[in-house]
Amino acid sequence: MKLSKQHSMYESEHTLFIKALKEKNPGMEAGQQQGRALLWDRPPVSLDEQERQLKSAIKQQAYVYQNKV
């Protein structure tokens, strides 16, 4: 189904807001990518390091808030 020319030029208020925000702050996208890299983009962990982490993990009890008596 093809949209008419009238609808093909439509941009929502949200799209216009984001475009205006990016024009005001041209470095915003680079800052977002740096923040994403800081939190999510991590180098891969070697198999030896994964095994060491698994062995050194402390087993958690089934119900954390219950004290062992």
C-alpha atoms as a PDB file:
ATOM      1  CA  MET A   1       0.000   0.000   0.000  1.00  0.00           C
ATOM      2  CA  LYS A   2       1.436   3.348  -1.034  1.00  0.00           C
ATOM      3  CA  LEU A   3       0.959   6.434   1.056  1.00  0.00           C
ATOM      4  CA  SER A   4       0.008   9.661  -0.614  1.00  0.00           C
ATOM      5  CA  LYS A   5       2.511  12.496  -1.002  1.00  0.00           C
ATOM      6  CA  GLN A   6       0.840  14.295   1.854  1.00  0.00           C
ATOM      7  CA  HIS A   7       1.659  11.464   4.264  1.00  0.00           C
ATOM      8  CA  SER A   8       5.148  10.721   2.945  1.00  0.00           C
ATOM      9  CA  MET A   9       6.367  14.164   4.074  1.00  0.00           C
ATOM     10  CA  TYR A  10       4.905  13.818   7.591  1.00  0.00           C
ATOM     11  CA  GLU A  11       7.241  13.976  10.581  1.00  0.00           C
ATOM     12  CA  SER A  12       5.918  13.498  14.083  1.00  0.00           C
ATOM     13  CA  GLU A  13       6.458  16.002  16.861  1.00  0.00           C
ATOM     14  CA  HIS A  14       8.873  13.578  18.492  1.00  0.00           C
ATOM     15  CA  THR A  15      10.986  13.325  15.347  1.00  0.00           C
ATOM     16  CA  LEU A  16      11.077  17.099  14.987  1.00  0.00           C
ATOM     17  CA  PHE A  17      12.067  17.469  18.644  1.00  0.00           C
ATOM     18  CA  ILE A  18      14.938  14.969  18.303  1.00  0.00           C
ATOM     19  CA  LYS A  19      16.173  16.651  15.107  1.00  0.00           C
ATOM     20  CA  ALA A  20      16.115  20.083  16.781  1.00  0.00           C
ATOM     21  CA  LEU A  21      17.899  18.697  19.844  1.00  0.00           C
ATOM     22  CA  LYS A  22      20.635  17.163  17.682  1.00  0.00           C
ATOM     23  CA  GLU A  23      21.056  20.459  15.811  1.00  0.00           C
ATOM     24  CA  LYS A  24      21.482  22.351  19.106  1.00  0.00           C
ATOM     25  CA  ASN A  25      23.933  19.776  20.512  1.00  0.00           C
ATOM     26  CA  PRO A  26      26.000  18.341  17.652  1.00  0.00           C
ATOM     27  CA  GLY A  27      28.243  16.338  20.013  1.00  0.00           C
ATOM     28  CA  MET A  28      25.329  14.640  21.751  1.00  0.00           C
ATOM     29  CA  GLU A  29      25.444  11.467  19.661  1.00  0.00           C
ATOM     30  CA  ALA A  30      29.177  11.012  20.257  1.00  0.00           C
ATOM     31  CA  GLY A  31      28.571  11.417  23.996  1.00  0.00           C
ATOM     32  CA  GLN A  32      25.825   8.802  23.886  1.00  0.00           C
ATOM     33  CA  GLN A  33      28.140   6.360  22.120  1.00  0.00           C
ATOM     34  CA  GLN A  34      30.884   6.974  24.695  1.00  0.00           C
ATOM     35  CA  GLY A  35      28.420   6.345  27.519  1.00  0.00           C
ATOM     36  CA  ARG A  36      27.180   3.174  25.879  1.00  0.00           C
ATOM     37  CA  ALA A  37      30.744   1.957  25.398  1.00  0.00           C
ATOM     38  CA  LEU A  38      31.494   2.687  29.041  1.00  0.00           C
ATOM     39  CA  LEU A  39      28.592   0.590  30.327  1.00  0.00           C
ATOM     40  CA  TRP A  40      27.875  -2.076  27.708  1.00  0.00           C
ATOM     41  CA  ASP A  41      30.694  -2.579  25.227  1.00  0.00           C
ATOM     42  CA  ARG A  42      33.178  -4.725  27.091  1.00  0.00           C
ATOM     43  CA  PRO A  43      36.058  -6.752  25.694  1.00  0.00           C
ATOM     44  CA  PRO A  44      35.474 -10.504  25.580  1.00  0.00           C
ATOM     45  CA  VAL A  45      36.588 -12.505  28.630  1.00  0.00           C
ATOM     46  CA  SER A  46      38.934 -15.429  28.057  1.00  0.00           C
ATOM     47  CA  LEU A  47      37.813 -18.946  28.930  1.00  0.00           C
ATOM     48  CA  ASP A  48      40.409 -19.174  31.698  1.00  0.00           C
ATOM     49  CA  GLU A  49      39.118 -15.944  33.241  1.00  0.00           C
ATOM     50  CA  GLN A  50      35.515 -17.184  32.988  1.00  0.00           C
ATOM     51  CA  GLU A  51      36.449 -20.417  34.749  1.00  0.00           C
ATOM     52  CA  ARG A  52      38.316 -18.511  37.497  1.00  0.00           C
ATOM     53  CA  GLN A  53      35.288 -16.259  38.055  1.00  0.00           C
ATOM     54  CA  LEU A  54      32.922 -19.231  38.296  1.00  0.00           C
ATOM     55  CA  LYS A  55      35.162 -21.035  40.790  1.00  0.00           C
ATOM     56  CA  SER A  56      35.620 -17.956  42.963  1.00  0.00           C
ATOM     57  CA  ALA A  57      31.900 -17.111  43.140  1.00  0.00           C
ATOM     58  CA  ILE A  58      30.288 -17.576  46.544  1.00  0.00           C
ATOM     59  CA  LYS A  59      27.143 -19.709  46.513  1.00  0.00           C
ATOM     60  CA  GLN A  60      24.112 -17.735  47.593  1.00  0.00           C
ATOM     61  CA  GLN A  61      21.463 -19.320  49.795  1.00  0.00           C
ATOM     62  CA  ALA A  62      18.038 -19.939  48.297  1.00  0.00           C
ATOM     63  CA  TYR A  63      16.220 -17.254  50.254  1.00  0.00           C
ATOM     64  CA  VAL A  64      18.576 -14.357  50.868  1.00  0.00           C
ATOM     65  CA  TYR A  65      16.646 -12.675  53.650  1.00  0.00           C
ATOM     66  CA  GLN A  66      16.346 -15.765  55.851  1.00  0.00           C
ATOM     67  CA  ASN A  67      19.080 -16.159  58.466  1.00  0.00           C
ATOM     68  CA  LYS A  68      20.516 -19.589  59.029  1.00  0.00           C
ATOM     69  CA  VAL A  69      19.886 -20.581  62.628  1.00  0.00           C
END
